[in-house]
Amino acid sequence: MKVLHYLILVVLMVSCSPYGRKKLTIARSLDGTEAIKTDGLYYRTYKEEGKTYTIALFLYQNGVVYGSWKLQGTIEKSIDQIPDPKRNIVFDWGIYNVSDSQLIIQKWVSGSGGPYPTWTYTGTILNDTTISFENKHYGVMKFYPLEEKPDSTNLFIE
């Protein structure tokens, strides 16, 4: 039983440790941008096997990204499914950079053992409320305004 407790402790320490994930390598947009809105979230709703799903993604003024979940239903019906950022799951987080009309997102993704890998997604900013990503997972995302959104403070990005 003691071995199991030690093993769980080591796994928890590694998952929160910077050594348990790959380094994010893009330059982060620190001062915000006027090219995109950041007082809400970006989403894409689609149908799969007769069900409606929404992908949601928060972009913050400080260059932090939170999200990329597959939620059930339309954005209006799935907004309550967005996980609490205080749960501190590393692959919920990442950073972004805006250069002219290009948006680059780099996030950690769920891995199978070893350090969490990073993925980089590139999109074109069509206007301040629409981003078209090369990656099919994100596709064309629209802006959805929110009165409040989760804080961008997390354990993984300084």
N, C-alpha and C. Protein backbone atom coordinates (compact mmCIF):
# COMPACT_ATOMS: atom_id res chain seq x y z
N MET A 1 0.82 -1.19 0.00
CA MET A 1 0.00 0.00 0.00
C MET A 1 0.87 1.26 0.00
N LYS A 2 1.99 1.22 0.76
CA LYS A 2 2.88 2.37 0.78
C LYS A 2 3.45 2.65 -0.60
N VAL A 3 3.75 1.60 -1.34
CA VAL A 3 4.30 1.77 -2.68
C VAL A 3 3.30 2.50 -3.57
N LEU A 4 2.04 2.13 -3.46
CA LEU A 4 1.00 2.78 -4.24
C LEU A 4 0.90 4.26 -3.90
N HIS A 5 0.97 4.60 -2.62
CA HIS A 5 0.92 6.01 -2.21
C HIS A 5 2.10 6.78 -2.77
N TYR A 6 3.29 6.20 -2.72
CA TYR A 6 4.48 6.87 -3.28
C TYR A 6 4.36 7.03 -4.79
N LEU A 7 3.84 6.02 -5.45
CA LEU A 7 3.67 6.09 -6.89
C LEU A 7 2.69 7.21 -7.26
N ILE A 8 1.59 7.32 -6.56
CA ILE A 8 0.62 8.38 -6.81
C ILE A 8 1.25 9.75 -6.56
N LEU A 9 2.03 9.88 -5.51
CA LEU A 9 2.70 11.14 -5.20
C LEU A 9 3.67 11.53 -6.31
N VAL A 10 4.44 10.58 -6.81
CA VAL A 10 5.39 10.86 -7.89
C VAL A 10 4.65 11.29 -9.16
N VAL A 11 3.57 10.62 -9.50
CA VAL A 11 2.80 10.96 -10.70
C VAL A 11 2.24 12.38 -10.57
N LEU A 12 1.71 12.73 -9.42
CA LEU A 12 1.19 14.09 -9.21
C LEU A 12 2.28 15.13 -9.31
N MET A 13 3.45 14.85 -8.75
CA MET A 13 4.56 15.80 -8.81
C MET A 13 5.03 16.00 -10.25
N VAL A 14 5.13 14.94 -11.00
CA VAL A 14 5.60 15.03 -12.38
C VAL A 14 4.59 15.77 -13.25
N SER A 15 3.30 15.54 -13.02
CA SER A 15 2.29 16.18 -13.85
C SER A 15 2.26 17.69 -13.65
N CYS A 16 2.63 18.19 -12.49
CA CYS A 16 2.67 19.63 -12.23
C CYS A 16 4.06 20.20 -12.46
N SER A 17 5.01 19.39 -12.65
CA SER A 17 6.39 19.83 -12.83
C SER A 17 6.63 20.28 -14.26
N PRO A 18 7.50 21.30 -14.46
CA PRO A 18 7.83 21.69 -15.82
C PRO A 18 8.56 20.58 -16.58
N TYR A 19 9.09 19.61 -15.87
CA TYR A 19 9.79 18.50 -16.51
C TYR A 19 8.81 17.45 -17.03
N GLY A 20 7.53 17.58 -16.67
CA GLY A 20 6.52 16.64 -17.10
C GLY A 20 5.80 17.10 -18.36
N ARG A 21 6.31 18.15 -18.99
CA ARG A 21 5.67 18.64 -20.22
C ARG A 21 6.72 19.29 -21.11
N LYS A 22 6.46 19.26 -22.41
CA LYS A 22 7.35 19.91 -23.37
C LYS A 22 7.24 21.42 -23.20
N LYS A 23 8.25 22.12 -23.62
CA LYS A 23 8.27 23.58 -23.51
C LYS A 23 7.46 24.21 -24.64
N LEU A 24 6.69 25.24 -24.32
CA LEU A 24 6.00 26.01 -25.35
C LEU A 24 7.04 26.94 -25.97
N THR A 25 7.11 26.98 -27.30
CA THR A 25 8.24 27.64 -27.95
C THR A 25 7.89 28.89 -28.74
N ILE A 26 6.61 29.20 -28.93
CA ILE A 26 6.29 30.41 -29.70
C ILE A 26 6.37 31.63 -28.78
N ALA A 27 6.55 32.79 -29.40
CA ALA A 27 6.53 34.04 -28.65
C ALA A 27 5.07 34.36 -28.33
N ARG A 28 4.81 34.71 -27.09
CA ARG A 28 3.45 34.97 -26.63
C ARG A 28 3.07 36.44 -26.84
N SER A 29 1.85 36.70 -27.30
CA SER A 29 1.34 38.07 -27.42
C SER A 29 1.00 38.56 -26.02
N LEU A 30 1.83 39.43 -25.47
CA LEU A 30 1.66 39.85 -24.08
C LEU A 30 0.78 41.08 -23.91
N ASP A 31 0.70 41.92 -24.90
CA ASP A 31 -0.02 43.18 -24.76
C ASP A 31 -1.39 43.18 -25.41
N GLY A 32 -1.89 42.02 -25.71
CA GLY A 32 -3.20 41.94 -26.34
C GLY A 32 -3.13 42.31 -27.81
N THR A 33 -4.24 42.33 -28.40
CA THR A 33 -4.31 42.63 -29.82
C THR A 33 -5.67 43.21 -30.14
N GLU A 34 -5.73 44.06 -31.14
CA GLU A 34 -7.00 44.59 -31.59
C GLU A 34 -7.56 43.75 -32.74
N ALA A 35 -6.77 42.78 -33.20
CA ALA A 35 -7.19 41.96 -34.34
C ALA A 35 -8.31 40.99 -33.97
N ILE A 36 -8.39 40.60 -32.69
CA ILE A 36 -9.42 39.66 -32.24
C ILE A 36 -10.06 40.19 -30.96
N LYS A 37 -11.28 39.77 -30.72
CA LYS A 37 -11.95 40.11 -29.47
C LYS A 37 -11.51 39.12 -28.39
N THR A 38 -11.41 39.60 -27.16
CA THR A 38 -11.01 38.70 -26.07
C THR A 38 -11.97 38.77 -24.88
N ASP A 39 -13.12 39.39 -25.06
CA ASP A 39 -14.08 39.48 -23.95
C ASP A 39 -15.18 38.42 -24.08
N GLY A 40 -14.76 37.22 -24.44
CA GLY A 40 -15.67 36.10 -24.60
C GLY A 40 -14.87 34.88 -25.00
N LEU A 41 -15.46 34.03 -25.82
CA LEU A 41 -14.75 32.84 -26.29
C LEU A 41 -14.99 32.65 -27.77
N TYR A 42 -14.18 31.79 -28.38
CA TYR A 42 -14.37 31.39 -29.78
C TYR A 42 -14.88 29.96 -29.78
N TYR A 43 -15.76 29.65 -30.72
CA TYR A 43 -16.38 28.33 -30.74
C TYR A 43 -16.66 27.89 -32.17
N ARG A 44 -16.83 26.59 -32.29
CA ARG A 44 -17.29 25.98 -33.54
C ARG A 44 -18.29 24.90 -33.17
N THR A 45 -19.47 24.96 -33.75
CA THR A 45 -20.50 23.95 -33.50
C THR A 45 -20.60 23.07 -34.75
N TYR A 46 -20.72 21.77 -34.53
CA TYR A 46 -20.80 20.82 -35.65
C TYR A 46 -21.63 19.61 -35.24
N LYS A 47 -22.02 18.82 -36.24
CA LYS A 47 -22.78 17.60 -35.99
C LYS A 47 -21.89 16.39 -36.26
N GLU A 48 -22.07 15.38 -35.42
CA GLU A 48 -21.33 14.13 -35.56
C GLU A 48 -22.25 13.00 -35.12
N GLU A 49 -22.52 12.07 -36.01
CA GLU A 49 -23.39 10.93 -35.72
C GLU A 49 -24.73 11.38 -35.15
N GLY A 50 -25.29 12.45 -35.74
CA GLY A 50 -26.61 12.92 -35.34
C GLY A 50 -26.64 13.77 -34.08
N LYS A 51 -25.50 14.00 -33.45
CA LYS A 51 -25.44 14.81 -32.23
C LYS A 51 -24.72 16.12 -32.52
N THR A 52 -25.06 17.14 -31.75
CA THR A 52 -24.44 18.45 -31.90
C THR A 52 -23.35 18.62 -30.85
N TYR A 53 -22.19 19.10 -31.28
CA TYR A 53 -21.06 19.35 -30.39
C TYR A 53 -20.52 20.75 -30.63
N THR A 54 -19.84 21.28 -29.63
CA THR A 54 -19.21 22.59 -29.73
C THR A 54 -17.78 22.48 -29.20
N ILE A 55 -16.85 23.07 -29.93
CA ILE A 55 -15.47 23.23 -29.48
C ILE A 55 -15.37 24.66 -28.96
N ALA A 56 -14.84 24.86 -27.76
CA ALA A 56 -14.74 26.20 -27.17
C ALA A 56 -13.30 26.51 -26.80
N LEU A 57 -12.93 27.78 -26.96
CA LEU A 57 -11.55 28.22 -26.76
C LEU A 57 -11.55 29.67 -26.28
N PHE A 58 -10.90 29.93 -25.15
CA PHE A 58 -10.73 31.30 -24.64
C PHE A 58 -9.38 31.83 -25.07
N LEU A 59 -9.35 33.06 -25.58
CA LEU A 59 -8.11 33.77 -25.88
C LEU A 59 -8.08 35.00 -24.97
N TYR A 60 -7.01 35.14 -24.19
CA TYR A 60 -6.90 36.23 -23.23
C TYR A 60 -5.96 37.32 -23.75
N GLN A 61 -6.13 38.55 -23.24
CA GLN A 61 -5.29 39.68 -23.63
C GLN A 61 -3.80 39.42 -23.35
N ASN A 62 -3.49 38.58 -22.38
CA ASN A 62 -2.09 38.31 -22.01
C ASN A 62 -1.45 37.18 -22.82
N GLY A 63 -2.11 36.74 -23.90
CA GLY A 63 -1.55 35.72 -24.76
C GLY A 63 -1.76 34.29 -24.29
N VAL A 64 -2.59 34.10 -23.28
CA VAL A 64 -2.88 32.76 -22.75
C VAL A 64 -4.12 32.21 -23.44
N VAL A 65 -4.12 30.89 -23.67
CA VAL A 65 -5.24 30.16 -24.27
C VAL A 65 -5.75 29.17 -23.23
N TYR A 66 -7.06 29.06 -23.11
CA TYR A 66 -7.67 28.07 -22.23
C TYR A 66 -8.78 27.39 -22.99
N GLY A 67 -8.73 26.08 -23.10
CA GLY A 67 -9.84 25.37 -23.70
C GLY A 67 -9.49 24.40 -24.79
N SER A 68 -10.46 24.14 -25.61
CA SER A 68 -10.44 23.21 -26.73
C SER A 68 -11.21 21.95 -26.38
N TRP A 69 -12.29 22.09 -25.67
CA TRP A 69 -13.09 20.94 -25.25
C TRP A 69 -14.15 20.62 -26.29
N LYS A 70 -14.54 19.37 -26.30
CA LYS A 70 -15.67 18.92 -27.13
C LYS A 70 -16.87 18.87 -26.18
N LEU A 71 -17.73 19.88 -26.28
CA LEU A 71 -18.89 20.01 -25.42
C LEU A 71 -20.14 19.53 -26.16
N GLN A 72 -21.11 19.03 -25.43
CA GLN A 72 -22.34 18.55 -26.07
C GLN A 72 -23.34 19.69 -26.23
N GLY A 73 -23.88 19.83 -27.44
CA GLY A 73 -24.90 20.82 -27.71
C GLY A 73 -24.35 22.08 -28.36
N THR A 74 -25.24 23.04 -28.57
CA THR A 74 -24.85 24.34 -29.14
C THR A 74 -24.09 25.13 -28.08
N ILE A 75 -23.50 26.24 -28.48
CA ILE A 75 -22.75 27.05 -27.52
C ILE A 75 -23.65 27.53 -26.37
N GLU A 76 -24.87 27.94 -26.68
CA GLU A 76 -25.78 28.42 -25.64
C GLU A 76 -26.12 27.32 -24.63
N LYS A 77 -26.23 26.09 -25.12
CA LYS A 77 -26.60 24.98 -24.24
C LYS A 77 -25.40 24.33 -23.56
N SER A 78 -24.20 24.55 -24.08
CA SER A 78 -23.03 23.85 -23.54
C SER A 78 -22.11 24.74 -22.70
N ILE A 79 -22.42 26.01 -22.58
CA ILE A 79 -21.54 26.93 -21.86
C ILE A 79 -21.31 26.49 -20.41
N ASP A 80 -22.30 25.87 -19.80
CA ASP A 80 -22.17 25.41 -18.41
C ASP A 80 -21.28 24.17 -18.29
N GLN A 81 -20.93 23.54 -19.41
CA GLN A 81 -20.06 22.36 -19.39
C GLN A 81 -18.57 22.72 -19.36
N ILE A 82 -18.24 23.99 -19.54
CA ILE A 82 -16.83 24.40 -19.57
C ILE A 82 -16.20 24.12 -18.22
N PRO A 83 -15.10 23.37 -18.20
CA PRO A 83 -14.47 23.00 -16.93
C PRO A 83 -13.93 24.21 -16.17
N ASP A 84 -13.93 24.10 -14.86
CA ASP A 84 -13.37 25.14 -13.99
C ASP A 84 -11.86 25.15 -14.17
N PRO A 85 -11.26 26.31 -14.50
CA PRO A 85 -9.81 26.36 -14.70
C PRO A 85 -9.01 26.05 -13.43
N LYS A 86 -9.65 26.14 -12.29
CA LYS A 86 -8.95 25.85 -11.03
C LYS A 86 -8.59 24.37 -10.89
N ARG A 87 -9.12 23.55 -11.77
CA ARG A 87 -8.76 22.13 -11.71
C ARG A 87 -7.33 21.91 -12.19
N ASN A 88 -6.74 22.93 -12.85
CA ASN A 88 -5.34 22.92 -13.25
C ASN A 88 -4.91 21.67 -14.02
N ILE A 89 -5.57 21.44 -15.14
CA ILE A 89 -5.20 20.37 -16.05
C ILE A 89 -4.31 20.97 -17.13
N VAL A 90 -3.10 20.48 -17.26
CA VAL A 90 -2.11 21.11 -18.12
C VAL A 90 -2.57 21.22 -19.57
N PHE A 91 -3.24 20.21 -20.11
CA PHE A 91 -3.61 20.27 -21.52
C PHE A 91 -4.83 21.13 -21.80
N ASP A 92 -5.35 21.83 -20.80
CA ASP A 92 -6.37 22.86 -21.03
C ASP A 92 -5.72 24.19 -21.41
N TRP A 93 -4.40 24.31 -21.24
CA TRP A 93 -3.72 25.60 -21.33
C TRP A 93 -2.72 25.67 -22.49
N GLY A 94 -2.43 26.91 -22.90
CA GLY A 94 -1.42 27.16 -23.93
C GLY A 94 -1.22 28.65 -24.09
N ILE A 95 -0.55 29.03 -25.16
CA ILE A 95 -0.29 30.44 -25.45
C ILE A 95 -0.59 30.71 -26.92
N TYR A 96 -0.72 31.99 -27.26
CA TYR A 96 -0.94 32.34 -28.66
C TYR A 96 -0.13 33.57 -29.03
N ASN A 97 0.00 33.73 -30.35
CA ASN A 97 0.69 34.89 -30.91
C ASN A 97 -0.10 35.37 -32.12
N VAL A 98 -0.24 36.68 -32.22
CA VAL A 98 -0.90 37.28 -33.39
C VAL A 98 0.12 38.10 -34.14
N SER A 99 0.18 37.86 -35.43
CA SER A 99 1.05 38.63 -36.32
C SER A 99 0.25 38.94 -37.58
N ASP A 100 -0.04 40.22 -37.78
CA ASP A 100 -0.89 40.65 -38.89
C ASP A 100 -2.22 39.89 -38.80
N SER A 101 -2.57 39.11 -39.80
CA SER A 101 -3.84 38.39 -39.77
C SER A 101 -3.65 36.91 -39.44
N GLN A 102 -2.49 36.56 -38.90
CA GLN A 102 -2.22 35.16 -38.56
C GLN A 102 -2.25 34.97 -37.04
N LEU A 103 -2.92 33.91 -36.61
CA LEU A 103 -2.98 33.53 -35.21
C LEU A 103 -2.31 32.16 -35.07
N ILE A 104 -1.35 32.08 -34.16
CA ILE A 104 -0.69 30.80 -33.89
C ILE A 104 -0.96 30.45 -32.44
N ILE A 105 -1.49 29.26 -32.22
CA ILE A 105 -1.77 28.75 -30.88
C ILE A 105 -0.86 27.55 -30.64
N GLN A 106 -0.26 27.52 -29.45
CA GLN A 106 0.52 26.35 -29.06
C GLN A 106 0.01 25.91 -27.69
N LYS A 107 -0.42 24.65 -27.61
CA LYS A 107 -0.99 24.09 -26.38
C LYS A 107 -0.36 22.75 -26.07
N TRP A 108 -0.47 22.42 -24.80
CA TRP A 108 -0.13 21.06 -24.42
C TRP A 108 -1.33 20.18 -24.76
N VAL A 109 -1.07 18.95 -25.10
CA VAL A 109 -2.14 17.99 -25.38
C VAL A 109 -1.94 16.78 -24.49
N SER A 110 -3.01 16.05 -24.31
CA SER A 110 -2.95 14.84 -23.50
C SER A 110 -2.05 13.83 -24.18
N GLY A 111 -1.09 13.32 -23.44
CA GLY A 111 -0.16 12.35 -23.99
C GLY A 111 -0.32 11.00 -23.33
N SER A 112 0.39 10.04 -23.84
CA SER A 112 0.34 8.70 -23.24
C SER A 112 1.71 8.40 -22.65
N GLY A 113 1.93 8.88 -21.44
CA GLY A 113 3.21 8.67 -20.78
C GLY A 113 4.22 9.71 -21.22
N GLY A 114 5.23 9.92 -20.43
CA GLY A 114 6.27 10.88 -20.77
C GLY A 114 5.75 12.30 -20.66
N PRO A 115 6.54 13.26 -21.11
CA PRO A 115 6.11 14.66 -21.02
C PRO A 115 4.91 14.93 -21.93
N TYR A 116 4.06 15.88 -21.50
CA TYR A 116 2.94 16.27 -22.35
C TYR A 116 3.49 16.92 -23.61
N PRO A 117 3.10 16.43 -24.79
CA PRO A 117 3.58 17.05 -26.02
C PRO A 117 2.84 18.36 -26.29
N THR A 118 3.38 19.16 -27.19
CA THR A 118 2.70 20.39 -27.61
C THR A 118 2.26 20.24 -29.06
N TRP A 119 1.18 20.92 -29.38
CA TRP A 119 0.71 21.01 -30.76
C TRP A 119 0.60 22.48 -31.09
N THR A 120 0.87 22.80 -32.33
CA THR A 120 0.76 24.17 -32.81
C THR A 120 -0.33 24.23 -33.87
N TYR A 121 -1.25 25.18 -33.70
CA TYR A 121 -2.37 25.38 -34.61
C TYR A 121 -2.24 26.77 -35.23
N THR A 122 -2.42 26.86 -36.53
CA THR A 122 -2.33 28.13 -37.22
C THR A 122 -3.68 28.49 -37.83
N GLY A 123 -4.06 29.75 -37.65
CA GLY A 123 -5.32 30.21 -38.20
C GLY A 123 -5.18 31.57 -38.85
N THR A 124 -6.13 31.89 -39.68
CA THR A 124 -6.19 33.20 -40.32
C THR A 124 -7.33 33.99 -39.68
N ILE A 125 -7.03 35.20 -39.24
CA ILE A 125 -8.04 36.07 -38.65
C ILE A 125 -8.80 36.72 -39.80
N LEU A 126 -10.05 36.32 -39.99
CA LEU A 126 -10.86 36.86 -41.07
C LEU A 126 -11.42 38.24 -40.70
N ASN A 127 -11.79 38.38 -39.43
CA ASN A 127 -12.19 39.66 -38.84
C ASN A 127 -12.10 39.50 -37.33
N ASP A 128 -12.47 40.49 -36.55
CA ASP A 128 -12.25 40.39 -35.10
C ASP A 128 -13.15 39.39 -34.40
N THR A 129 -14.08 38.76 -35.13
CA THR A 129 -14.97 37.76 -34.54
C THR A 129 -14.92 36.40 -35.23
N THR A 130 -14.05 36.23 -36.22
CA THR A 130 -13.99 34.97 -36.97
C THR A 130 -12.54 34.59 -37.25
N ILE A 131 -12.19 33.35 -36.92
CA ILE A 131 -10.86 32.81 -37.17
C ILE A 131 -11.01 31.50 -37.92
N SER A 132 -10.29 31.35 -39.02
CA SER A 132 -10.32 30.12 -39.80
C SER A 132 -9.01 29.37 -39.58
N PHE A 133 -9.10 28.20 -38.95
CA PHE A 133 -7.92 27.38 -38.65
C PHE A 133 -7.68 26.36 -39.74
N GLU A 134 -6.42 26.05 -39.96
CA GLU A 134 -6.05 24.99 -40.91
C GLU A 134 -6.46 23.63 -40.37
N ASN A 135 -6.43 23.46 -39.06
CA ASN A 135 -6.76 22.20 -38.41
C ASN A 135 -8.27 22.00 -38.40
N LYS A 136 -8.73 20.82 -38.82
CA LYS A 136 -10.16 20.53 -38.90
C LYS A 136 -10.84 20.53 -37.53
N HIS A 137 -10.11 20.22 -36.48
CA HIS A 137 -10.68 20.22 -35.12
C HIS A 137 -11.25 21.60 -34.79
N TYR A 138 -10.50 22.63 -35.10
CA TYR A 138 -10.95 24.00 -34.83
C TYR A 138 -11.82 24.54 -35.97
N GLY A 139 -11.43 24.30 -37.21
CA GLY A 139 -12.21 24.79 -38.35
C GLY A 139 -12.38 26.29 -38.33
N VAL A 140 -13.58 26.76 -38.65
CA VAL A 140 -13.88 28.20 -38.58
C VAL A 140 -14.57 28.45 -37.25
N MET A 141 -13.94 29.29 -36.43
CA MET A 141 -14.48 29.58 -35.09
C MET A 141 -15.03 31.00 -35.06
N LYS A 142 -16.17 31.12 -34.41
CA LYS A 142 -16.86 32.41 -34.26
C LYS A 142 -16.74 32.88 -32.81
N PHE A 143 -16.84 34.19 -32.65
CA PHE A 143 -16.76 34.79 -31.32
C PHE A 143 -18.12 34.73 -30.62
N TYR A 144 -18.10 34.45 -29.33
CA TYR A 144 -19.29 34.45 -28.50
C TYR A 144 -19.00 35.33 -27.28
N PRO A 145 -19.67 36.49 -27.17
CA PRO A 145 -19.37 37.41 -26.06
C PRO A 145 -19.86 36.85 -24.72
N LEU A 146 -19.11 37.15 -23.67
CA LEU A 146 -19.48 36.75 -22.32
C LEU A 146 -19.34 37.94 -21.38
N GLU A 147 -20.23 38.03 -20.40
CA GLU A 147 -20.09 39.08 -19.38
C GLU A 147 -18.91 38.78 -18.47
N GLU A 148 -18.70 37.51 -18.17
CA GLU A 148 -17.58 37.06 -17.35
C GLU A 148 -16.94 35.87 -18.00
N LYS A 149 -15.64 35.73 -17.83
CA LYS A 149 -14.97 34.53 -18.30
C LYS A 149 -13.96 34.10 -17.26
N PRO A 150 -13.53 32.84 -17.29
CA PRO A 150 -12.60 32.36 -16.27
C PRO A 150 -11.30 33.15 -16.28
N ASP A 151 -10.67 33.25 -15.12
CA ASP A 151 -9.38 33.92 -14.97
C ASP A 151 -8.32 33.10 -15.70
N SER A 152 -7.34 33.79 -16.27
CA SER A 152 -6.27 33.10 -17.00
C SER A 152 -5.11 32.65 -16.13
N THR A 153 -5.18 32.92 -14.84
CA THR A 153 -4.11 32.50 -13.93
C THR A 153 -4.11 30.98 -13.83
N ASN A 154 -2.92 30.37 -13.99
CA ASN A 154 -2.81 28.92 -13.91
C ASN A 154 -1.41 28.54 -13.43
N LEU A 155 -1.20 27.28 -13.17
CA LEU A 155 0.08 26.78 -12.65
C LEU A 155 1.13 26.56 -13.71
N PHE A 156 0.78 26.68 -14.98
CA PHE A 156 1.65 26.20 -16.05
C PHE A 156 2.31 27.30 -16.88
N ILE A 157 1.72 28.49 -16.90
CA ILE A 157 2.25 29.58 -17.72
C ILE A 157 2.55 30.76 -16.81
N GLU A 158 3.78 31.23 -16.89
CA GLU A 158 4.18 32.36 -16.01
C GLU A 158 3.69 33.67 -16.56
